[in-house]
N, C-alpha and C. Protein backbone atom coordinates (compact mmCIF):
# COMPACT_ATOMS: atom_id res chain seq x y z
N UNK A 1 0.91 -1.20 0.01
CA UNK A 1 0.00 0.03 -0.02
C UNK A 1 0.92 1.23 0.00
N UNK A 2 0.64 2.19 -0.95
CA UNK A 2 1.48 3.33 -1.04
C UNK A 2 1.03 4.44 -0.07
N UNK A 3 1.85 5.50 -0.04
CA UNK A 3 1.66 6.61 0.88
C UNK A 3 0.66 7.60 0.22
N UNK A 4 -0.39 8.05 0.89
CA UNK A 4 -1.46 8.90 0.38
C UNK A 4 -1.36 10.34 1.05
N UNK A 5 -2.13 11.24 0.60
CA UNK A 5 -2.21 12.58 1.19
C UNK A 5 -2.62 12.57 2.62
N UNK A 6 -3.44 11.58 3.00
CA UNK A 6 -3.82 11.48 4.42
C UNK A 6 -2.67 11.14 5.33
N UNK A 7 -1.73 10.42 4.77
CA UNK A 7 -0.56 10.13 5.56
C UNK A 7 0.36 11.28 5.94
N UNK A 8 0.26 12.35 5.08
CA UNK A 8 1.08 13.52 5.26
C UNK A 8 0.72 14.27 6.48
N UNK A 9 -0.51 14.21 6.87
CA UNK A 9 -1.02 15.02 8.06
C UNK A 9 -0.76 14.24 9.34
N UNK A 10 -0.36 12.96 9.32
CA UNK A 10 -0.09 12.20 10.48
C UNK A 10 1.22 12.53 11.04
N UNK A 11 1.35 12.60 12.37
CA UNK A 11 2.62 12.85 13.13
C UNK A 11 3.36 11.45 13.16
N UNK A 12 4.61 11.39 12.69
CA UNK A 12 5.33 10.19 12.76
C UNK A 12 5.62 9.77 14.23
N UNK A 13 5.57 8.51 14.46
CA UNK A 13 5.85 8.09 15.87
C UNK A 13 7.22 8.38 16.29
N UNK A 14 7.41 8.65 17.61
CA UNK A 14 8.74 9.01 18.09
C UNK A 14 9.59 7.75 18.14
N UNK A 15 10.83 7.94 17.82
CA UNK A 15 11.75 6.78 17.89
C UNK A 15 12.04 6.37 19.29
N UNK A 16 11.96 5.13 19.54
CA UNK A 16 12.24 4.62 20.89
C UNK A 16 13.76 4.39 21.04
N UNK A 17 14.27 5.01 22.11
CA UNK A 17 15.69 4.86 22.29
C UNK A 17 16.02 3.33 22.73
N UNK A 18 17.03 2.82 22.10
CA UNK A 18 17.44 1.45 22.31
C UNK A 18 18.60 1.41 23.42
N UNK A 19 19.01 2.56 23.90
CA UNK A 19 20.12 2.59 24.82
C UNK A 19 19.59 2.06 26.19
N UNK A 20 20.25 1.17 26.81
CA UNK A 20 19.77 0.51 28.04
C UNK A 20 19.75 1.55 29.17
N UNK A 21 18.81 1.34 30.10
CA UNK A 21 18.68 2.30 31.24
C UNK A 21 19.88 2.05 32.20
N UNK A 22 20.47 3.14 32.56
CA UNK A 22 21.64 3.04 33.39
C UNK A 22 21.22 2.93 34.87
N UNK A 23 21.80 2.07 35.61
CA UNK A 23 21.57 1.99 36.97
C UNK A 23 22.71 1.33 37.76
N UNK A 24 22.95 1.63 39.01
CA UNK A 24 23.98 1.00 39.78
C UNK A 24 25.35 1.70 39.54
N UNK A 25 26.24 1.29 40.30
CA UNK A 25 27.60 1.83 40.28
C UNK A 25 28.61 0.78 40.03
N UNK A 26 29.54 1.02 39.00
CA UNK A 26 30.50 0.07 38.64
C UNK A 26 31.85 0.51 39.19
N UNK A 27 32.57 -0.31 39.85
CA UNK A 27 33.89 -0.04 40.41
C UNK A 27 34.92 -1.00 39.77
N UNK A 28 36.01 -0.52 39.22
CA UNK A 28 37.00 -1.33 38.54
C UNK A 28 38.27 -1.23 39.35
N UNK A 29 38.80 -2.36 39.89
CA UNK A 29 40.07 -2.42 40.56
C UNK A 29 41.03 -3.26 39.70
N UNK A 30 42.23 -3.55 40.21
CA UNK A 30 43.16 -4.30 39.42
C UNK A 30 43.08 -5.84 39.67
N UNK A 31 43.05 -6.22 40.95
CA UNK A 31 43.09 -7.62 41.24
C UNK A 31 41.77 -8.24 41.69
N UNK A 32 41.47 -9.45 41.33
CA UNK A 32 40.22 -10.15 41.75
C UNK A 32 40.07 -10.20 43.29
N UNK A 33 41.21 -10.44 44.00
CA UNK A 33 41.19 -10.54 45.50
C UNK A 33 40.74 -9.14 46.02
N UNK A 34 41.26 -8.06 45.50
CA UNK A 34 40.87 -6.73 46.02
C UNK A 34 39.46 -6.44 45.58
N UNK A 35 39.00 -6.91 44.46
CA UNK A 35 37.60 -6.74 44.02
C UNK A 35 36.56 -7.33 45.15
N UNK A 36 36.96 -8.54 45.55
CA UNK A 36 36.07 -9.16 46.57
C UNK A 36 36.01 -8.36 47.85
N UNK A 37 37.17 -7.86 48.32
CA UNK A 37 37.29 -7.14 49.57
C UNK A 37 36.56 -5.84 49.49
N UNK A 38 36.85 -5.12 48.39
CA UNK A 38 36.26 -3.76 48.19
C UNK A 38 34.74 -3.88 48.04
N UNK A 39 34.28 -4.92 47.22
CA UNK A 39 32.87 -5.16 47.08
C UNK A 39 32.18 -5.41 48.44
N UNK A 40 32.75 -6.17 49.34
CA UNK A 40 32.22 -6.39 50.59
C UNK A 40 32.07 -5.08 51.42
N UNK A 41 33.05 -4.26 51.35
CA UNK A 41 32.91 -3.00 52.08
C UNK A 41 31.98 -2.03 51.50
N UNK A 42 31.83 -1.98 50.18
CA UNK A 42 30.90 -1.01 49.56
C UNK A 42 29.47 -1.45 49.72
N UNK A 43 29.25 -2.76 49.59
CA UNK A 43 27.94 -3.25 49.84
C UNK A 43 26.96 -3.19 48.61
N UNK A 44 25.66 -3.18 48.91
CA UNK A 44 24.72 -3.18 47.78
C UNK A 44 24.80 -2.00 46.92
N UNK A 45 24.47 -2.11 45.60
CA UNK A 45 24.40 -0.91 44.77
C UNK A 45 25.70 -0.82 43.97
N UNK A 46 26.75 -1.53 44.43
CA UNK A 46 28.01 -1.44 43.75
C UNK A 46 28.34 -2.74 43.11
N UNK A 47 28.80 -2.72 41.87
CA UNK A 47 29.34 -3.94 41.19
C UNK A 47 30.91 -3.69 41.01
N UNK A 48 31.67 -4.61 41.65
CA UNK A 48 33.13 -4.41 41.64
C UNK A 48 33.74 -5.52 40.66
N UNK A 49 34.49 -5.11 39.76
CA UNK A 49 35.16 -6.00 38.86
C UNK A 49 36.68 -5.69 38.80
N UNK A 50 37.48 -6.65 38.38
CA UNK A 50 38.92 -6.53 38.30
C UNK A 50 39.35 -6.47 36.79
N UNK A 51 40.31 -5.57 36.56
CA UNK A 51 40.92 -5.54 35.20
C UNK A 51 42.02 -6.60 35.05
N UNK A 52 42.43 -7.11 36.18
CA UNK A 52 43.59 -8.09 36.20
C UNK A 52 44.82 -7.43 35.56
N UNK A 53 45.20 -6.21 36.10
CA UNK A 53 46.40 -5.56 35.62
C UNK A 53 46.09 -4.65 34.36
N UNK A 54 47.13 -4.53 33.51
CA UNK A 54 47.02 -3.77 32.32
C UNK A 54 46.02 -4.41 31.31
N UNK A 55 45.32 -3.50 30.56
CA UNK A 55 44.35 -4.05 29.51
C UNK A 55 44.85 -3.66 28.10
N UNK A 56 45.84 -2.80 27.98
CA UNK A 56 46.46 -2.37 26.70
C UNK A 56 47.93 -2.32 26.85
N UNK A 57 48.64 -2.58 25.73
CA UNK A 57 50.08 -2.49 25.78
C UNK A 57 50.57 -2.22 24.37
N UNK A 58 51.85 -1.96 24.20
CA UNK A 58 52.44 -1.82 22.87
C UNK A 58 52.48 -3.17 22.21
N UNK A 59 52.37 -3.20 20.93
CA UNK A 59 52.46 -4.40 20.17
C UNK A 59 53.77 -5.14 20.36
N UNK A 60 53.74 -6.38 20.45
CA UNK A 60 54.91 -7.20 20.72
C UNK A 60 55.74 -7.50 19.44
N UNK A 61 55.03 -7.40 18.26
CA UNK A 61 55.62 -7.86 17.04
C UNK A 61 56.43 -6.72 16.32
N UNK A 62 56.35 -5.50 16.88
CA UNK A 62 57.05 -4.32 16.26
C UNK A 62 57.43 -3.29 17.28
N UNK A 63 58.12 -2.27 16.88
CA UNK A 63 58.59 -1.28 17.82
C UNK A 63 57.36 -0.63 18.46
N UNK A 64 56.35 -0.40 17.70
CA UNK A 64 55.13 0.25 18.22
C UNK A 64 55.24 1.63 18.78
N UNK A 65 56.22 2.31 18.39
CA UNK A 65 56.42 3.69 18.75
C UNK A 65 56.81 4.48 17.51
N UNK A 66 56.08 5.54 17.23
CA UNK A 66 56.33 6.33 15.99
C UNK A 66 57.38 7.37 16.35
N UNK A 67 58.63 7.04 16.09
CA UNK A 67 59.69 7.93 16.49
C UNK A 67 59.79 9.20 15.55
N UNK A 68 59.06 9.19 14.42
CA UNK A 68 59.12 10.26 13.46
C UNK A 68 58.03 11.33 13.79
N UNK A 69 57.02 10.90 14.70
CA UNK A 69 55.96 11.81 15.05
C UNK A 69 55.69 11.83 16.53
N UNK A 70 56.72 12.49 17.20
CA UNK A 70 56.56 12.70 18.62
C UNK A 70 56.61 11.45 19.54
N UNK A 71 57.16 10.36 19.10
CA UNK A 71 57.22 9.15 19.86
C UNK A 71 55.78 8.64 20.24
N UNK A 72 54.89 8.74 19.32
CA UNK A 72 53.48 8.45 19.69
C UNK A 72 53.44 6.84 19.83
N UNK A 73 52.95 6.29 20.92
CA UNK A 73 52.86 4.90 21.08
C UNK A 73 51.68 4.32 20.36
N UNK A 74 51.74 3.11 20.00
CA UNK A 74 50.65 2.37 19.30
C UNK A 74 50.22 1.21 20.19
N UNK A 75 48.95 1.34 20.81
CA UNK A 75 48.54 0.36 21.73
C UNK A 75 47.61 -0.69 21.12
N UNK A 76 47.41 -1.79 21.70
CA UNK A 76 46.44 -2.82 21.38
C UNK A 76 46.05 -3.57 22.67
N UNK A 77 44.84 -4.17 22.54
CA UNK A 77 44.37 -5.03 23.70
C UNK A 77 44.93 -6.41 23.39
N UNK A 78 45.73 -7.01 24.36
CA UNK A 78 46.27 -8.28 24.08
C UNK A 78 45.12 -9.41 23.97
N UNK A 79 45.37 -10.47 23.28
CA UNK A 79 44.28 -11.45 23.17
C UNK A 79 43.78 -11.91 24.44
N UNK A 80 44.68 -12.12 25.44
CA UNK A 80 44.20 -12.62 26.73
C UNK A 80 43.41 -11.67 27.53
N UNK A 81 43.36 -10.40 27.13
CA UNK A 81 42.56 -9.46 27.83
C UNK A 81 41.32 -9.01 27.12
N UNK A 82 41.07 -9.57 25.99
CA UNK A 82 39.88 -9.10 25.19
C UNK A 82 38.59 -9.42 25.80
N UNK A 83 38.53 -10.53 26.48
CA UNK A 83 37.31 -10.97 27.19
C UNK A 83 37.04 -10.07 28.36
N UNK A 84 38.15 -9.75 29.13
CA UNK A 84 37.92 -8.81 30.27
C UNK A 84 37.46 -7.43 29.80
N UNK A 85 38.06 -6.93 28.73
CA UNK A 85 37.63 -5.59 28.21
C UNK A 85 36.22 -5.62 27.71
N UNK A 86 35.79 -6.79 27.05
CA UNK A 86 34.51 -6.98 26.55
C UNK A 86 33.46 -6.81 27.70
N UNK A 87 33.76 -7.56 28.75
CA UNK A 87 32.84 -7.61 29.93
C UNK A 87 32.70 -6.25 30.59
N UNK A 88 33.93 -5.64 30.82
CA UNK A 88 33.89 -4.28 31.41
C UNK A 88 33.12 -3.23 30.48
N UNK A 89 33.31 -3.39 29.25
CA UNK A 89 32.64 -2.49 28.34
C UNK A 89 31.05 -2.62 28.51
N UNK A 90 30.69 -3.87 28.50
CA UNK A 90 29.24 -4.21 28.63
C UNK A 90 28.72 -3.64 29.97
N UNK A 91 29.41 -3.84 31.03
CA UNK A 91 28.97 -3.32 32.32
C UNK A 91 28.92 -1.79 32.38
N UNK A 92 29.88 -1.11 31.78
CA UNK A 92 30.02 0.31 31.73
C UNK A 92 28.83 0.91 30.97
N UNK A 93 28.24 0.22 30.01
CA UNK A 93 27.16 0.74 29.26
C UNK A 93 25.81 0.87 30.00
N UNK A 94 25.86 0.11 31.12
CA UNK A 94 24.52 0.08 31.85
C UNK A 94 24.75 0.72 33.26
N UNK A 95 25.92 1.09 33.68
CA UNK A 95 26.15 1.67 34.94
C UNK A 95 25.83 3.20 34.99
N UNK A 96 25.33 3.59 36.05
CA UNK A 96 24.95 5.03 36.26
C UNK A 96 26.15 5.87 36.62
N UNK A 97 27.11 5.24 37.45
CA UNK A 97 28.38 5.85 37.80
C UNK A 97 29.43 4.83 37.69
N UNK A 98 30.66 5.22 37.33
CA UNK A 98 31.80 4.35 37.21
C UNK A 98 32.93 4.92 37.98
N UNK A 99 33.54 4.14 38.75
CA UNK A 99 34.72 4.50 39.60
C UNK A 99 35.90 3.64 39.18
N UNK A 100 36.96 4.33 38.84
CA UNK A 100 38.23 3.63 38.41
C UNK A 100 39.14 3.59 39.70
N UNK A 101 39.20 2.46 40.30
CA UNK A 101 39.90 2.34 41.61
C UNK A 101 41.19 1.48 41.48
N UNK A 102 41.89 1.79 40.45
CA UNK A 102 43.16 1.01 40.15
C UNK A 102 44.22 1.53 41.17
N UNK A 103 45.39 0.94 41.20
CA UNK A 103 46.41 1.18 42.21
C UNK A 103 46.81 2.68 42.20
N UNK A 104 47.29 3.23 43.40
CA UNK A 104 47.56 4.65 43.61
C UNK A 104 49.00 4.99 43.19
N UNK A 105 49.36 4.65 41.95
CA UNK A 105 50.66 5.05 41.43
C UNK A 105 50.55 5.37 39.93
N UNK A 106 51.60 5.67 39.26
CA UNK A 106 51.54 6.00 37.85
C UNK A 106 51.05 4.89 36.95
N UNK A 107 51.41 3.58 37.41
CA UNK A 107 50.97 2.41 36.65
C UNK A 107 49.39 2.35 36.79
N UNK A 108 48.90 2.46 38.04
CA UNK A 108 47.48 2.42 38.26
C UNK A 108 46.80 3.58 37.51
N UNK A 109 47.36 4.69 37.48
CA UNK A 109 46.77 5.88 36.77
C UNK A 109 46.59 5.57 35.27
N UNK A 110 47.71 4.98 34.71
CA UNK A 110 47.68 4.62 33.35
C UNK A 110 46.66 3.53 33.03
N UNK A 111 46.61 2.50 33.92
CA UNK A 111 45.60 1.50 33.70
C UNK A 111 44.20 2.07 33.68
N UNK A 112 43.91 3.02 34.54
CA UNK A 112 42.65 3.74 34.61
C UNK A 112 42.34 4.42 33.28
N UNK A 113 43.31 5.05 32.68
CA UNK A 113 43.20 5.81 31.46
C UNK A 113 42.98 4.78 30.29
N UNK A 114 43.81 3.65 30.36
CA UNK A 114 43.65 2.70 29.25
C UNK A 114 42.23 1.99 29.35
N UNK A 115 41.68 1.81 30.50
CA UNK A 115 40.34 1.33 30.63
C UNK A 115 39.30 2.25 30.02
N UNK A 116 39.48 3.50 30.29
CA UNK A 116 38.64 4.51 29.68
C UNK A 116 38.66 4.37 28.11
N UNK A 117 39.87 4.18 27.57
CA UNK A 117 39.97 4.14 26.17
C UNK A 117 39.49 2.80 25.53
N UNK A 118 39.90 1.74 26.14
CA UNK A 118 39.62 0.36 25.61
C UNK A 118 38.20 -0.04 25.76
N UNK A 119 37.65 0.28 26.92
CA UNK A 119 36.23 -0.08 27.22
C UNK A 119 35.26 1.04 26.88
N UNK A 120 35.75 2.10 26.26
CA UNK A 120 34.88 3.22 25.82
C UNK A 120 34.03 3.77 26.86
N UNK A 121 34.61 4.01 28.05
CA UNK A 121 33.89 4.48 29.20
C UNK A 121 33.56 5.95 29.05
N UNK A 122 32.29 6.36 29.33
CA UNK A 122 31.89 7.75 29.23
C UNK A 122 32.59 8.60 30.31
N UNK A 123 33.37 9.58 29.93
CA UNK A 123 34.03 10.37 30.98
C UNK A 123 33.13 11.16 31.80
N UNK A 124 31.82 11.41 31.33
CA UNK A 124 30.94 12.20 32.06
C UNK A 124 30.42 11.49 33.34
N UNK A 125 30.44 10.19 33.34
CA UNK A 125 29.95 9.49 34.47
C UNK A 125 31.06 8.68 35.23
N UNK A 126 32.32 8.94 34.89
CA UNK A 126 33.41 8.17 35.50
C UNK A 126 34.29 9.11 36.35
N UNK A 127 34.81 8.51 37.40
CA UNK A 127 35.76 9.18 38.31
C UNK A 127 36.80 8.28 38.79
N UNK A 128 37.91 8.87 39.22
CA UNK A 128 39.09 8.14 39.71
C UNK A 128 38.99 8.21 41.16
N UNK A 129 39.23 7.03 41.84
CA UNK A 129 39.27 7.07 43.32
C UNK A 129 40.57 6.37 43.71
N UNK A 130 41.19 6.81 44.74
CA UNK A 130 42.53 6.29 45.21
C UNK A 130 42.55 6.07 46.71
N UNK A 131 42.96 4.88 47.06
CA UNK A 131 43.13 4.59 48.48
C UNK A 131 44.43 3.79 48.69
N UNK A 132 45.07 4.08 49.84
CA UNK A 132 46.42 3.51 50.10
C UNK A 132 46.42 2.26 51.07
N UNK A 133 45.24 1.85 51.52
CA UNK A 133 45.05 0.76 52.32
C UNK A 133 43.62 0.21 52.07
N UNK A 134 43.49 -1.12 52.18
CA UNK A 134 42.22 -1.67 51.93
C UNK A 134 41.45 -1.87 53.25
N UNK A 135 40.97 -0.76 53.77
CA UNK A 135 40.20 -0.76 54.98
C UNK A 135 38.89 -0.02 54.70
N UNK A 136 37.85 -0.30 55.45
CA UNK A 136 36.62 0.31 55.21
C UNK A 136 36.62 1.84 55.34
N UNK A 137 37.34 2.42 56.28
CA UNK A 137 37.46 3.92 56.43
C UNK A 137 38.20 4.53 55.25
N UNK A 138 39.32 3.86 54.80
CA UNK A 138 40.07 4.34 53.71
C UNK A 138 39.33 4.41 52.39
N UNK A 139 38.53 3.28 52.19
CA UNK A 139 37.71 3.24 50.99
C UNK A 139 36.58 4.29 50.99
N UNK A 140 35.97 4.38 52.17
CA UNK A 140 34.87 5.37 52.34
C UNK A 140 35.36 6.80 52.08
N UNK A 141 36.63 7.09 52.53
CA UNK A 141 37.18 8.39 52.32
C UNK A 141 37.53 8.63 50.89
N UNK A 142 38.00 7.57 50.18
CA UNK A 142 38.32 7.72 48.75
C UNK A 142 37.11 7.94 47.97
N UNK A 143 35.99 7.29 48.18
CA UNK A 143 34.77 7.46 47.40
C UNK A 143 34.09 8.73 47.74
N UNK A 144 34.41 9.35 48.95
CA UNK A 144 33.80 10.60 49.24
C UNK A 144 34.50 11.77 48.54
N UNK A 145 35.79 11.44 47.99
CA UNK A 145 36.54 12.49 47.38
C UNK A 145 37.08 12.01 46.05
N UNK A 146 36.19 11.71 45.09
CA UNK A 146 36.75 11.22 43.75
C UNK A 146 37.36 12.39 42.98
N UNK A 147 38.14 12.06 41.96
CA UNK A 147 38.71 13.05 41.16
C UNK A 147 38.85 12.65 39.69
N UNK A 148 39.35 13.53 38.83
CA UNK A 148 39.57 13.11 37.51
C UNK A 148 40.99 12.36 37.32
N UNK A 149 41.14 11.75 36.22
CA UNK A 149 42.42 11.03 35.95
C UNK A 149 43.52 12.09 35.80
N UNK A 150 44.69 11.84 36.50
CA UNK A 150 45.76 12.72 36.49
C UNK A 150 46.59 12.41 35.25
N UNK A 151 46.50 13.18 34.20
CA UNK A 151 47.14 12.90 32.94
C UNK A 151 48.64 13.14 33.03
N UNK A 152 49.14 13.88 34.00
CA UNK A 152 50.54 13.97 34.23
C UNK A 152 51.13 12.66 34.64
N UNK A 153 50.42 11.93 35.56
CA UNK A 153 50.94 10.58 35.91
C UNK A 153 50.84 9.56 34.76
N UNK A 154 49.73 9.72 33.94
CA UNK A 154 49.61 8.85 32.74
C UNK A 154 50.77 9.12 31.78
N UNK A 155 51.04 10.39 31.52
CA UNK A 155 52.16 10.73 30.66
C UNK A 155 53.48 10.21 31.18
N UNK A 156 53.74 10.28 32.46
CA UNK A 156 54.92 9.79 33.08
C UNK A 156 55.08 8.22 32.87
N UNK A 157 53.94 7.49 32.95
CA UNK A 157 54.00 6.09 32.79
C UNK A 157 54.24 5.88 31.33
N UNK A 158 53.64 6.56 30.37
CA UNK A 158 53.83 6.28 28.92
C UNK A 158 55.29 6.64 28.54
N UNK A 159 55.88 7.62 29.15
CA UNK A 159 57.27 7.97 28.78
C UNK A 159 58.16 6.80 29.29
N UNK A 160 57.87 6.26 30.49
CA UNK A 160 58.67 5.14 30.95
C UNK A 160 58.47 3.95 30.09
N UNK A 161 57.27 3.63 29.68
CA UNK A 161 56.97 2.50 28.77
C UNK A 161 57.64 2.66 27.38
N UNK A 162 57.65 3.80 26.84
CA UNK A 162 58.25 4.06 25.59
C UNK A 162 59.79 3.92 25.64
N UNK A 163 60.34 4.50 26.69
CA UNK A 163 61.84 4.34 26.80
C UNK A 163 62.17 2.91 26.96
N UNK A 164 61.46 2.14 27.83
CA UNK A 164 61.64 0.68 27.91
C UNK A 164 61.70 -0.03 26.54
N UNK A 165 60.71 0.36 25.74
CA UNK A 165 60.60 -0.32 24.40
C UNK A 165 61.73 0.15 23.45
N UNK A 166 62.06 1.50 23.46
CA UNK A 166 63.13 2.00 22.57
C UNK A 166 64.45 1.35 22.89
N UNK A 167 64.81 1.26 24.13
CA UNK A 167 66.03 0.71 24.59
C UNK A 167 66.10 -0.81 24.34
N UNK A 168 65.10 -1.42 24.94
CA UNK A 168 65.10 -2.96 24.87
C UNK A 168 64.96 -3.48 23.45
N UNK A 169 64.08 -2.88 22.61
CA UNK A 169 63.81 -3.38 21.31
C UNK A 169 64.98 -3.13 20.39
N UNK A 170 65.84 -2.08 20.69
CA UNK A 170 66.94 -1.83 19.82
C UNK A 170 68.21 -2.58 20.22
N UNK A 171 68.41 -2.69 21.53
CA UNK A 171 69.68 -3.34 21.99
C UNK A 171 69.61 -4.82 22.17
N UNK A 172 68.42 -5.39 22.48
CA UNK A 172 68.40 -6.85 22.77
C UNK A 172 68.83 -7.72 21.52
N UNK A 173 68.38 -7.35 20.29
CA UNK A 173 68.84 -8.08 19.09
C UNK A 173 70.33 -8.00 18.95
N UNK A 174 70.92 -6.87 19.34
CA UNK A 174 72.40 -6.75 19.19
C UNK A 174 73.12 -7.68 20.12
N UNK A 175 72.57 -7.86 21.33
CA UNK A 175 73.16 -8.74 22.37
C UNK A 175 73.02 -10.16 21.73
N UNK A 176 71.91 -10.53 21.15
CA UNK A 176 71.75 -11.93 20.58
C UNK A 176 72.77 -12.15 19.49
N UNK A 177 73.09 -11.08 18.72
CA UNK A 177 73.98 -11.32 17.61
C UNK A 177 75.48 -11.32 18.12
N UNK A 178 75.77 -10.50 19.04
CA UNK A 178 77.24 -10.35 19.48
C UNK A 178 77.54 -11.12 20.69
N UNK A 179 76.63 -11.43 21.62
CA UNK A 179 77.04 -12.16 22.79
C UNK A 179 76.34 -13.50 22.91
N UNK A 180 75.07 -13.51 23.19
CA UNK A 180 74.35 -14.79 23.31
C UNK A 180 72.90 -14.66 23.12
N UNK A 181 72.21 -15.57 22.58
CA UNK A 181 70.78 -15.49 22.40
C UNK A 181 70.03 -15.46 23.69
N UNK A 182 68.82 -14.83 23.69
CA UNK A 182 67.92 -14.78 24.83
C UNK A 182 68.36 -13.84 25.89
N UNK A 183 69.38 -13.00 25.63
CA UNK A 183 69.76 -12.02 26.61
C UNK A 183 68.94 -10.83 26.39
N UNK A 184 68.77 -9.95 27.39
CA UNK A 184 67.92 -8.74 27.17
C UNK A 184 68.58 -7.55 27.75
N UNK A 185 68.26 -6.41 27.13
CA UNK A 185 68.71 -5.09 27.56
C UNK A 185 67.55 -4.22 27.95
N UNK A 186 67.81 -3.22 28.84
CA UNK A 186 66.71 -2.49 29.35
C UNK A 186 67.18 -1.08 29.86
N UNK A 187 66.20 -0.23 29.95
CA UNK A 187 66.47 1.17 30.38
C UNK A 187 67.10 1.16 31.83
N UNK A 188 66.61 0.28 32.65
CA UNK A 188 67.20 0.27 34.06
C UNK A 188 68.23 -0.88 34.24
N UNK A 189 67.85 -2.09 33.69
CA UNK A 189 68.73 -3.25 33.94
C UNK A 189 70.18 -3.07 33.37
N UNK A 190 70.25 -2.42 32.14
CA UNK A 190 71.54 -2.30 31.53
C UNK A 190 72.42 -1.36 32.27
N UNK A 191 71.93 -0.27 32.78
CA UNK A 191 72.63 0.65 33.62
C UNK A 191 73.07 0.03 34.94
N UNK A 192 72.11 -0.67 35.59
CA UNK A 192 72.42 -1.32 36.80
C UNK A 192 73.51 -2.37 36.60
N UNK A 193 73.37 -3.14 35.48
CA UNK A 193 74.42 -4.14 35.21
C UNK A 193 75.83 -3.49 35.03
N UNK A 194 75.94 -2.42 34.35
CA UNK A 194 77.20 -1.65 34.25
C UNK A 194 77.78 -1.31 35.52
N UNK A 195 76.96 -0.80 36.47
CA UNK A 195 77.42 -0.33 37.78
C UNK A 195 77.96 -1.54 38.52
N UNK A 196 77.22 -2.69 38.47
CA UNK A 196 77.70 -3.88 39.20
C UNK A 196 79.03 -4.35 38.54
N UNK A 197 79.04 -4.37 37.17
CA UNK A 197 80.31 -4.83 36.58
C UNK A 197 81.52 -4.03 36.88
N UNK A 198 81.28 -2.67 36.88
CA UNK A 198 82.40 -1.77 37.26
C UNK A 198 82.85 -1.97 38.66
N UNK A 199 81.91 -2.14 39.58
CA UNK A 199 82.30 -2.37 40.98
C UNK A 199 82.99 -3.68 41.19
N UNK A 200 82.58 -4.73 40.35
CA UNK A 200 83.24 -6.04 40.42
C UNK A 200 84.70 -5.89 40.01
N UNK A 201 84.91 -5.20 38.91
CA UNK A 201 86.26 -4.92 38.39
C UNK A 201 87.10 -4.26 39.44
N UNK A 202 86.58 -3.25 40.08
CA UNK A 202 87.31 -2.54 41.17
C UNK A 202 87.68 -3.50 42.32
N UNK A 203 86.82 -4.44 42.69
CA UNK A 203 87.12 -5.43 43.67
C UNK A 203 88.27 -6.35 43.25
N UNK A 204 88.14 -6.84 41.99
CA UNK A 204 89.11 -7.79 41.45
C UNK A 204 90.51 -7.11 41.33
N UNK A 205 90.54 -5.90 40.93
CA UNK A 205 91.83 -5.21 40.78
C UNK A 205 92.45 -4.59 42.04
N UNK A 206 91.76 -4.77 43.17
CA UNK A 206 92.25 -4.21 44.37
C UNK A 206 93.41 -4.96 44.91
N UNK A 207 94.46 -4.29 45.22
CA UNK A 207 95.63 -4.86 45.87
C UNK A 207 95.77 -4.51 47.31
N UNK A 208 95.50 -5.53 48.19
CA UNK A 208 95.57 -5.18 49.66
C UNK A 208 96.99 -4.85 50.09
N UNK A 209 97.11 -3.84 50.92
CA UNK A 209 98.37 -3.34 51.44
C UNK A 209 98.22 -3.40 52.99
N UNK A 210 99.25 -3.97 53.60
CA UNK A 210 99.22 -4.01 55.09
C UNK A 210 99.41 -2.68 55.60
N UNK A 211 98.64 -2.32 56.61
CA UNK A 211 98.86 -1.01 57.25
C UNK A 211 98.39 -1.18 58.72
N UNK A 212 98.93 -0.21 59.59
CA UNK A 212 98.60 -0.25 61.01
C UNK A 212 97.93 1.05 61.43
N UNK A 213 97.07 0.91 62.29
CA UNK A 213 96.44 2.06 62.88
C UNK A 213 96.80 2.08 64.44
N UNK A 214 97.41 3.19 64.91
CA UNK A 214 97.81 3.21 66.27
C UNK A 214 97.02 4.39 66.98
N UNK A 215 96.45 3.96 68.08
CA UNK A 215 95.68 4.92 68.93
C UNK A 215 96.46 5.24 70.17
N UNK A 216 96.43 6.42 70.56
CA UNK A 216 97.12 6.74 71.83
C UNK A 216 96.35 7.85 72.50
N UNK A 217 96.45 7.85 73.88
CA UNK A 217 95.84 8.89 74.69
C UNK A 217 96.87 9.49 75.57
N UNK A 218 97.07 10.85 75.44
CA UNK A 218 98.09 11.54 76.18
C UNK A 218 97.45 12.34 77.41
N UNK A 219 98.10 12.28 78.44
CA UNK A 219 97.69 13.05 79.67
C UNK A 219 98.82 13.83 80.13
N UNK A 220 98.50 15.04 80.60
CA UNK A 220 99.58 15.93 81.18
C UNK A 220 100.11 15.41 82.48
């Protein structure tokens, strides 16, 4: 049946939104053990889940750092974390509020940011909470004073990760070729190894010399 003039005067029906109704509060921590404890302290109305550490990282098969354009890192969700991200993404779509309660350091701050990106969490309904002990008073205090993600800490972690990759990815193959396979080089370990090696050479080259120390006490 075609459209007639009578149809033109009719008001088209309003489109029904398919977006699920949001309710409840989602809390994301790093470890499953912490999730159970925090969930017990927070009680009803809170769903607590664990990211189980990092959810995104640099690609393993390549440098994954664009050295020609500001050392921009290229991230991906590892295969073993795709299911975790999928579940967190689904939960975040129905939660009314989302709290990123990852560890209180630059790694935890970066994990919170990566969760926002990977799980496509709405920044308008998400907050960062930090606590330094897993006790009910500390958790209550943290949730009473949520904040935004500290991008300075995130950038610090990214700089550390990029440096690790640039040094390790460049020098490790050289070690395999010149010294022995399966050796690794790193931003910290290579410098620490040099300090240890230099100290060991000093010990080996030390020539002990006999000497005496005499102590005396003089009285008038």
